[in-house]
């Protein structure tokens, strides 16, 4: 039996008068022409922090994964390699599309996906790899990107638990073709709920934007 003394508590977010003031301003004035102001500011600041060219705010990290996979061209019948140890939301969007998740083992020391197991799991149907930076631990992105490039595969970084972590001087979530983050109330940075997609690939970003807006091109 687990006692209260053995539990590891989840940190609560730091909410100050500054954040409350922003919420008050958004409620009072964030309408009509100003309805996207805070979202656009958030996207811009987040991309700047992550050192990526683009960022797209979403309703959840799960939604961001769904958009990313579709923008990457994953279709029904394709295979997507995923780690065996992760939250189910990292995998569900694969099935939304009708693709097949292929589970591989993780590295014992980090609990992150094992690059060699990725290599062994690749088949002619493999289209993409989802890696998950778990509990602040980071995946071996150099090896994973090398494997992906050799096999012409897309890579999605689920950095829902990796915000602030770095890999050889690069921000977790900014190394692969796209990265996604969660702003759920249990995460490092929270908006209560929500997520975001980041990428340096303009074509992928433009596809994700159109999909995110029900097929409407913001340029129109």
C-alpha atoms as a PDB file:
ATOM      1  CA  UNK A   1       0.000   0.000   0.000  1.00  0.00           C
ATOM      2  CA  UNK A   2       1.264   3.489  -0.911  1.00  0.00           C
ATOM      3  CA  UNK A   3       1.113   5.972   1.952  1.00  0.00           C
ATOM      4  CA  UNK A   4       0.919   9.752   1.671  1.00  0.00           C
ATOM      5  CA  UNK A   5       4.580   9.962   2.725  1.00  0.00           C
ATOM      6  CA  UNK A   6       5.618   7.868  -0.304  1.00  0.00           C
ATOM      7  CA  UNK A   7       3.757   9.904  -2.903  1.00  0.00           C
ATOM      8  CA  UNK A   8       5.653  12.344  -5.115  1.00  0.00           C
ATOM      9  CA  UNK A   9       3.456  15.461  -5.373  1.00  0.00           C
ATOM     10  CA  UNK A  10       2.864  17.329  -8.631  1.00  0.00           C
ATOM     11  CA  UNK A  11       4.115  20.913  -8.520  1.00  0.00           C
ATOM     12  CA  UNK A  12       1.438  23.568  -8.710  1.00  0.00           C
ATOM     13  CA  UNK A  13       1.806  26.394 -11.261  1.00  0.00           C
ATOM     14  CA  UNK A  14       2.981  29.822 -10.183  1.00  0.00           C
ATOM     15  CA  UNK A  15      -0.009  32.138 -10.770  1.00  0.00           C
ATOM     16  CA  UNK A  16       0.644  35.760  -9.832  1.00  0.00           C
ATOM     17  CA  UNK A  17      -1.239  39.036 -10.259  1.00  0.00           C
ATOM     18  CA  UNK A  18       0.530  39.457 -13.616  1.00  0.00           C
ATOM     19  CA  UNK A  19      -1.103  36.326 -15.080  1.00  0.00           C
ATOM     20  CA  UNK A  20      -4.454  37.216 -13.514  1.00  0.00           C
ATOM     21  CA  UNK A  21      -4.192  40.659 -15.113  1.00  0.00           C
ATOM     22  CA  UNK A  22      -3.595  39.112 -18.538  1.00  0.00           C
ATOM     23  CA  UNK A  23      -6.648  36.865 -18.119  1.00  0.00           C
ATOM     24  CA  UNK A  24      -8.759  39.837 -17.050  1.00  0.00           C
ATOM     25  CA  UNK A  25      -7.605  41.829 -20.084  1.00  0.00           C
ATOM     26  CA  UNK A  26      -8.310  38.924 -22.445  1.00  0.00           C
ATOM     27  CA  UNK A  27     -11.821  38.484 -21.036  1.00  0.00           C
ATOM     28  CA  UNK A  28     -12.622  42.188 -21.203  1.00  0.00           C
ATOM     29  CA  UNK A  29     -10.959  43.086 -24.502  1.00  0.00           C
ATOM     30  CA  UNK A  30     -10.083  39.910 -26.424  1.00  0.00           C
ATOM     31  CA  UNK A  31     -12.982  40.056 -28.853  1.00  0.00           C
ATOM     32  CA  UNK A  32     -13.570  40.872 -32.536  1.00  0.00           C
ATOM     33  CA  UNK A  33     -10.363  41.965 -34.221  1.00  0.00           C
ATOM     34  CA  UNK A  34      -8.427  41.309 -31.007  1.00  0.00           C
ATOM     35  CA  UNK A  35      -9.607  37.718 -30.471  1.00  0.00           C
ATOM     36  CA  UNK A  36      -6.294  36.213 -31.660  1.00  0.00           C
ATOM     37  CA  UNK A  37      -3.930  38.767 -30.087  1.00  0.00           C
ATOM     38  CA  UNK A  38      -2.853  36.686 -27.084  1.00  0.00           C
ATOM     39  CA  UNK A  39      -2.636  33.488 -29.123  1.00  0.00           C
ATOM     40  CA  UNK A  40      -0.381  35.128 -31.718  1.00  0.00           C
ATOM     41  CA  UNK A  41       1.800  36.673 -28.998  1.00  0.00           C
ATOM     42  CA  UNK A  42       2.092  33.294 -27.310  1.00  0.00           C
ATOM     43  CA  UNK A  43       3.011  31.526 -30.570  1.00  0.00           C
ATOM     44  CA  UNK A  44       5.642  34.149 -31.369  1.00  0.00           C
ATOM     45  CA  UNK A  45       7.226  34.086 -27.908  1.00  0.00           C
ATOM     46  CA  UNK A  46       7.197  30.291 -27.758  1.00  0.00           C
ATOM     47  CA  UNK A  47       8.876  29.952 -31.161  1.00  0.00           C
ATOM     48  CA  UNK A  48      11.462  32.490 -30.041  1.00  0.00           C
ATOM     49  CA  UNK A  49      12.163  30.511 -26.858  1.00  0.00           C
ATOM     50  CA  UNK A  50      12.373  27.213 -28.728  1.00  0.00           C
ATOM     51  CA  UNK A  51      14.539  28.800 -31.438  1.00  0.00           C
ATOM     52  CA  UNK A  52      12.218  27.509 -34.163  1.00  0.00           C
ATOM     53  CA  UNK A  53      10.817  29.434 -37.114  1.00  0.00           C
ATOM     54  CA  UNK A  54       7.173  28.559 -36.531  1.00  0.00           C
ATOM     55  CA  UNK A  55       4.726  27.721 -33.743  1.00  0.00           C
ATOM     56  CA  UNK A  56       1.027  26.869 -33.932  1.00  0.00           C
ATOM     57  CA  UNK A  57      -1.134  26.876 -30.789  1.00  0.00           C
ATOM     58  CA  UNK A  58      -3.636  24.017 -30.539  1.00  0.00           C
ATOM     59  CA  UNK A  59      -6.441  22.867 -28.264  1.00  0.00           C
ATOM     60  CA  UNK A  60      -4.228  20.122 -26.797  1.00  0.00           C
ATOM     61  CA  UNK A  61      -0.926  18.325 -27.281  1.00  0.00           C
ATOM     62  CA  UNK A  62      -2.923  15.371 -28.609  1.00  0.00           C
ATOM     63  CA  UNK A  63      -4.389  17.700 -31.228  1.00  0.00           C
ATOM     64  CA  UNK A  64      -0.913  18.944 -32.099  1.00  0.00           C
ATOM     65  CA  UNK A  65       0.269  15.357 -32.680  1.00  0.00           C
ATOM     66  CA  UNK A  66      -2.759  14.695 -34.892  1.00  0.00           C
ATOM     67  CA  UNK A  67      -2.074  17.820 -36.967  1.00  0.00           C
ATOM     68  CA  UNK A  68       1.644  17.046 -37.226  1.00  0.00           C
ATOM     69  CA  UNK A  69       1.077  13.497 -38.445  1.00  0.00           C
ATOM     70  CA  UNK A  70      -1.409  14.645 -41.070  1.00  0.00           C
ATOM     71  CA  UNK A  71       0.874  17.472 -42.209  1.00  0.00           C
ATOM     72  CA  UNK A  72       3.722  14.927 -42.478  1.00  0.00           C
ATOM     73  CA  UNK A  73       1.596  12.883 -44.855  1.00  0.00           C
ATOM     74  CA  UNK A  74       0.890   9.894 -42.599  1.00  0.00           C
ATOM     75  CA  UNK A  75      -2.109   8.004 -44.009  1.00  0.00           C
ATOM     76  CA  UNK A  76      -4.249   4.970 -43.240  1.00  0.00           C
ATOM     77  CA  UNK A  77      -2.211   1.774 -43.461  1.00  0.00           C
ATOM     78  CA  UNK A  78       1.114   3.476 -42.688  1.00  0.00           C
ATOM     79  CA  UNK A  79       3.186   2.430 -39.674  1.00  0.00           C
ATOM     80  CA  UNK A  80       4.444   4.843 -37.024  1.00  0.00           C
ATOM     81  CA  UNK A  81       7.099   3.714 -34.552  1.00  0.00           C
ATOM     82  CA  UNK A  82       6.428   4.726 -30.930  1.00  0.00           C
ATOM     83  CA  UNK A  83       7.953   3.973 -27.502  1.00  0.00           C
ATOM     84  CA  UNK A  84       6.327   1.323 -25.311  1.00  0.00           C
ATOM     85  CA  UNK A  85       6.542   3.631 -22.304  1.00  0.00           C
ATOM     86  CA  UNK A  86       4.484   6.821 -22.712  1.00  0.00           C
ATOM     87  CA  UNK A  87       1.054   8.301 -22.077  1.00  0.00           C
ATOM     88  CA  UNK A  88      -1.567   6.927 -24.481  1.00  0.00           C
ATOM     89  CA  UNK A  89      -2.170  10.397 -25.972  1.00  0.00           C
ATOM     90  CA  UNK A  90       1.187  10.061 -27.765  1.00  0.00           C
ATOM     91  CA  UNK A  91      -0.275   7.115 -29.690  1.00  0.00           C
ATOM     92  CA  UNK A  92      -4.001   7.781 -30.118  1.00  0.00           C
ATOM     93  CA  UNK A  93      -3.656  10.252 -33.034  1.00  0.00           C
ATOM     94  CA  UNK A  94      -1.959   7.531 -35.100  1.00  0.00           C
ATOM     95  CA  UNK A  95      -5.157   5.521 -34.854  1.00  0.00           C
ATOM     96  CA  UNK A  96      -7.334   8.556 -35.600  1.00  0.00           C
ATOM     97  CA  UNK A  97      -5.730   8.533 -39.046  1.00  0.00           C
ATOM     98  CA  UNK A  98      -6.059   4.782 -39.465  1.00  0.00           C
ATOM     99  CA  UNK A  99      -2.310   4.191 -39.298  1.00  0.00           C
ATOM    100  CA  UNK A 100      -0.706   1.496 -37.140  1.00  0.00           C
ATOM    101  CA  UNK A 101       1.426   2.196 -34.045  1.00  0.00           C
ATOM    102  CA  UNK A 102       4.488  -0.059 -33.816  1.00  0.00           C
ATOM    103  CA  UNK A 103       5.725  -0.258 -30.214  1.00  0.00           C
ATOM    104  CA  UNK A 104       9.434  -0.586 -29.433  1.00  0.00           C
ATOM    105  CA  UNK A 105      11.307  -0.802 -26.135  1.00  0.00           C
ATOM    106  CA  UNK A 106      12.961   2.048 -24.243  1.00  0.00           C
ATOM    107  CA  UNK A 107      16.447   2.602 -22.817  1.00  0.00           C
ATOM    108  CA  UNK A 108      16.563   1.483 -19.178  1.00  0.00           C
ATOM    109  CA  UNK A 109      18.539   4.503 -17.935  1.00  0.00           C
ATOM    110  CA  UNK A 110      16.284   7.204 -19.425  1.00  0.00           C
ATOM    111  CA  UNK A 111      12.957   5.457 -20.159  1.00  0.00           C
ATOM    112  CA  UNK A 112      13.158   7.046 -23.616  1.00  0.00           C
ATOM    113  CA  UNK A 113      12.862   5.179 -26.930  1.00  0.00           C
ATOM    114  CA  UNK A 114      15.824   2.953 -27.898  1.00  0.00           C
ATOM    115  CA  UNK A 115      17.337   4.016 -31.262  1.00  0.00           C
ATOM    116  CA  UNK A 116      18.516   0.484 -32.078  1.00  0.00           C
ATOM    117  CA  UNK A 117      15.031  -0.881 -31.466  1.00  0.00           C
ATOM    118  CA  UNK A 118      13.743   1.766 -33.878  1.00  0.00           C
ATOM    119  CA  UNK A 119      16.129   0.528 -36.556  1.00  0.00           C
ATOM    120  CA  UNK A 120      14.977  -3.058 -36.054  1.00  0.00           C
ATOM    121  CA  UNK A 121      11.276  -2.112 -36.315  1.00  0.00           C
ATOM    122  CA  UNK A 122      11.451  -0.288 -39.675  1.00  0.00           C
ATOM    123  CA  UNK A 123       9.488  -1.900 -42.506  1.00  0.00           C
ATOM    124  CA  UNK A 124       8.469  -0.731 -46.003  1.00  0.00           C
ATOM    125  CA  UNK A 125       5.248   0.591 -44.409  1.00  0.00           C
ATOM    126  CA  UNK A 126       7.031   2.778 -41.850  1.00  0.00           C
ATOM    127  CA  UNK A 127       6.277   6.456 -42.426  1.00  0.00           C
ATOM    128  CA  UNK A 128       7.272   8.214 -39.211  1.00  0.00           C
ATOM    129  CA  UNK A 129       8.725   7.935 -35.721  1.00  0.00           C
ATOM    130  CA  UNK A 130       7.287   9.511 -32.578  1.00  0.00           C
ATOM    131  CA  UNK A 131       9.848   9.971 -29.810  1.00  0.00           C
ATOM    132  CA  UNK A 132       8.865  11.040 -26.292  1.00  0.00           C
ATOM    133  CA  UNK A 133      11.101  13.002 -23.936  1.00  0.00           C
ATOM    134  CA  UNK A 134       9.892  11.483 -20.685  1.00  0.00           C
ATOM    135  CA  UNK A 135       9.993  13.069 -17.209  1.00  0.00           C
ATOM    136  CA  UNK A 136      12.537  15.632 -18.414  1.00  0.00           C
ATOM    137  CA  UNK A 137      14.854  12.897 -19.741  1.00  0.00           C
ATOM    138  CA  UNK A 138      15.710  13.299 -23.415  1.00  0.00           C
ATOM    139  CA  UNK A 139      15.940  10.892 -26.334  1.00  0.00           C
ATOM    140  CA  UNK A 140      19.143  10.254 -28.269  1.00  0.00           C
ATOM    141  CA  UNK A 141      18.159  12.619 -31.065  1.00  0.00           C
ATOM    142  CA  UNK A 142      21.454  12.463 -33.004  1.00  0.00           C
ATOM    143  CA  UNK A 143      21.117   8.700 -33.492  1.00  0.00           C
ATOM    144  CA  UNK A 144      17.371   8.880 -34.133  1.00  0.00           C
ATOM    145  CA  UNK A 145      17.639  11.608 -36.783  1.00  0.00           C
ATOM    146  CA  UNK A 146      20.458   9.704 -38.490  1.00  0.00           C
ATOM    147  CA  UNK A 147      18.284   6.571 -38.668  1.00  0.00           C
ATOM    148  CA  UNK A 148      15.340   8.633 -39.932  1.00  0.00           C
ATOM    149  CA  UNK A 149      17.404  10.355 -42.624  1.00  0.00           C
ATOM    150  CA  UNK A 150      18.885   7.060 -43.798  1.00  0.00           C
ATOM    151  CA  UNK A 151      15.380   5.634 -44.200  1.00  0.00           C
ATOM    152  CA  UNK A 152      13.609   8.820 -45.351  1.00  0.00           C
ATOM    153  CA  UNK A 153      11.308   8.885 -42.328  1.00  0.00           C
ATOM    154  CA  UNK A 154       9.659  11.819 -40.567  1.00  0.00           C
ATOM    155  CA  UNK A 155      10.261  12.344 -36.840  1.00  0.00           C
ATOM    156  CA  UNK A 156       7.904  13.942 -34.324  1.00  0.00           C
ATOM    157  CA  UNK A 157       9.208  14.937 -30.889  1.00  0.00           C
ATOM    158  CA  UNK A 158       6.618  14.685 -28.133  1.00  0.00           C
ATOM    159  CA  UNK A 159       8.151  17.135 -25.677  1.00  0.00           C
ATOM    160  CA  UNK A 160       5.087  17.478 -23.451  1.00  0.00           C
ATOM    161  CA  UNK A 161       7.363  16.658 -20.496  1.00  0.00           C
ATOM    162  CA  UNK A 162      10.529  18.083 -22.021  1.00  0.00           C
ATOM    163  CA  UNK A 163       9.998  21.840 -22.016  1.00  0.00           C
ATOM    164  CA  UNK A 164      13.259  23.459 -20.899  1.00  0.00           C
ATOM    165  CA  UNK A 165      15.403  20.366 -21.463  1.00  0.00           C
ATOM    166  CA  UNK A 166      18.299  20.673 -23.902  1.00  0.00           C
ATOM    167  CA  UNK A 167      20.215  18.173 -26.041  1.00  0.00           C
ATOM    168  CA  UNK A 168      23.733  19.302 -27.007  1.00  0.00           C
ATOM    169  CA  UNK A 169      22.634  22.928 -26.794  1.00  0.00           C
ATOM    170  CA  UNK A 170      19.382  22.427 -28.731  1.00  0.00           C
ATOM    171  CA  UNK A 171      15.964  22.725 -27.115  1.00  0.00           C
ATOM    172  CA  UNK A 172      14.011  19.483 -26.774  1.00  0.00           C
ATOM    173  CA  UNK A 173      11.195  19.616 -29.305  1.00  0.00           C
ATOM    174  CA  UNK A 174      13.122  21.723 -31.825  1.00  0.00           C
ATOM    175  CA  UNK A 175      15.379  19.058 -33.354  1.00  0.00           C
ATOM    176  CA  UNK A 176      13.060  16.764 -35.333  1.00  0.00           C
ATOM    177  CA  UNK A 177      10.822  17.691 -38.276  1.00  0.00           C
ATOM    178  CA  UNK A 178       8.242  18.875 -35.754  1.00  0.00           C
ATOM    179  CA  UNK A 179       7.817  19.054 -31.990  1.00  0.00           C
ATOM    180  CA  UNK A 180       4.749  19.227 -29.774  1.00  0.00           C
ATOM    181  CA  UNK A 181       4.144  20.427 -26.226  1.00  0.00           C
ATOM    182  CA  UNK A 182       1.371  20.257 -23.635  1.00  0.00           C
ATOM    183  CA  UNK A 183       0.094  23.065 -21.427  1.00  0.00           C
ATOM    184  CA  UNK A 184      -2.118  20.858 -19.270  1.00  0.00           C
ATOM    185  CA  UNK A 185      -2.334  21.852 -15.619  1.00  0.00           C
ATOM    186  CA  UNK A 186       0.281  19.234 -14.666  1.00  0.00           C
ATOM    187  CA  UNK A 187       2.966  20.469 -17.077  1.00  0.00           C
ATOM    188  CA  UNK A 188       6.003  22.724 -16.651  1.00  0.00           C
ATOM    189  CA  UNK A 189       4.193  25.625 -18.315  1.00  0.00           C
ATOM    190  CA  UNK A 190       0.401  25.700 -18.188  1.00  0.00           C
ATOM    191  CA  UNK A 191      -2.494  27.509 -19.801  1.00  0.00           C
ATOM    192  CA  UNK A 192      -4.926  25.226 -17.992  1.00  0.00           C
ATOM    193  CA  UNK A 193      -5.208  23.088 -21.132  1.00  0.00           C
ATOM    194  CA  UNK A 194      -3.877  23.376 -24.671  1.00  0.00           C
ATOM    195  CA  UNK A 195      -0.834  22.506 -26.716  1.00  0.00           C
ATOM    196  CA  UNK A 196       1.474  23.797 -29.424  1.00  0.00           C
ATOM    197  CA  UNK A 197       3.272  22.533 -32.517  1.00  0.00           C
ATOM    198  CA  UNK A 198       6.707  23.882 -33.486  1.00  0.00           C
ATOM    199  CA  UNK A 199       8.741  23.350 -36.647  1.00  0.00           C
ATOM    200  CA  UNK A 200      11.365  24.874 -38.926  1.00  0.00           C
ATOM    201  CA  UNK A 201       9.677  23.390 -42.003  1.00  0.00           C
ATOM    202  CA  UNK A 202       7.510  26.063 -43.644  1.00  0.00           C
ATOM    203  CA  UNK A 203       5.632  23.617 -45.891  1.00  0.00           C
ATOM    204  CA  UNK A 204       4.713  21.420 -42.934  1.00  0.00           C
ATOM    205  CA  UNK A 205       3.670  24.484 -40.924  1.00  0.00           C
ATOM    206  CA  UNK A 206       1.422  25.807 -43.697  1.00  0.00           C
ATOM    207  CA  UNK A 207      -0.302  22.421 -44.040  1.00  0.00           C
ATOM    208  CA  UNK A 208      -0.832  22.230 -40.277  1.00  0.00           C
ATOM    209  CA  UNK A 209      -2.316  25.757 -40.212  1.00  0.00           C
ATOM    210  CA  UNK A 210      -4.883  24.905 -42.889  1.00  0.00           C
ATOM    211  CA  UNK A 211      -5.819  21.642 -41.153  1.00  0.00           C
ATOM    212  CA  UNK A 212      -6.071  23.446 -37.818  1.00  0.00           C
ATOM    213  CA  UNK A 213      -8.566  25.924 -39.290  1.00  0.00           C
ATOM    214  CA  UNK A 214     -10.951  23.343 -40.831  1.00  0.00           C
ATOM    215  CA  UNK A 215      -9.404  23.601 -44.287  1.00  0.00           C
ATOM    216  CA  UNK A 216      -9.445  27.392 -44.421  1.00  0.00           C
ATOM    217  CA  UNK A 217      -6.173  28.944 -45.554  1.00  0.00           C
ATOM    218  CA  UNK A 218      -5.306  31.913 -43.283  1.00  0.00           C
ATOM    219  CA  UNK A 219      -3.639  33.566 -46.302  1.00  0.00           C
ATOM    220  CA  UNK A 220      -7.099  33.852 -47.889  1.00  0.00           C
END
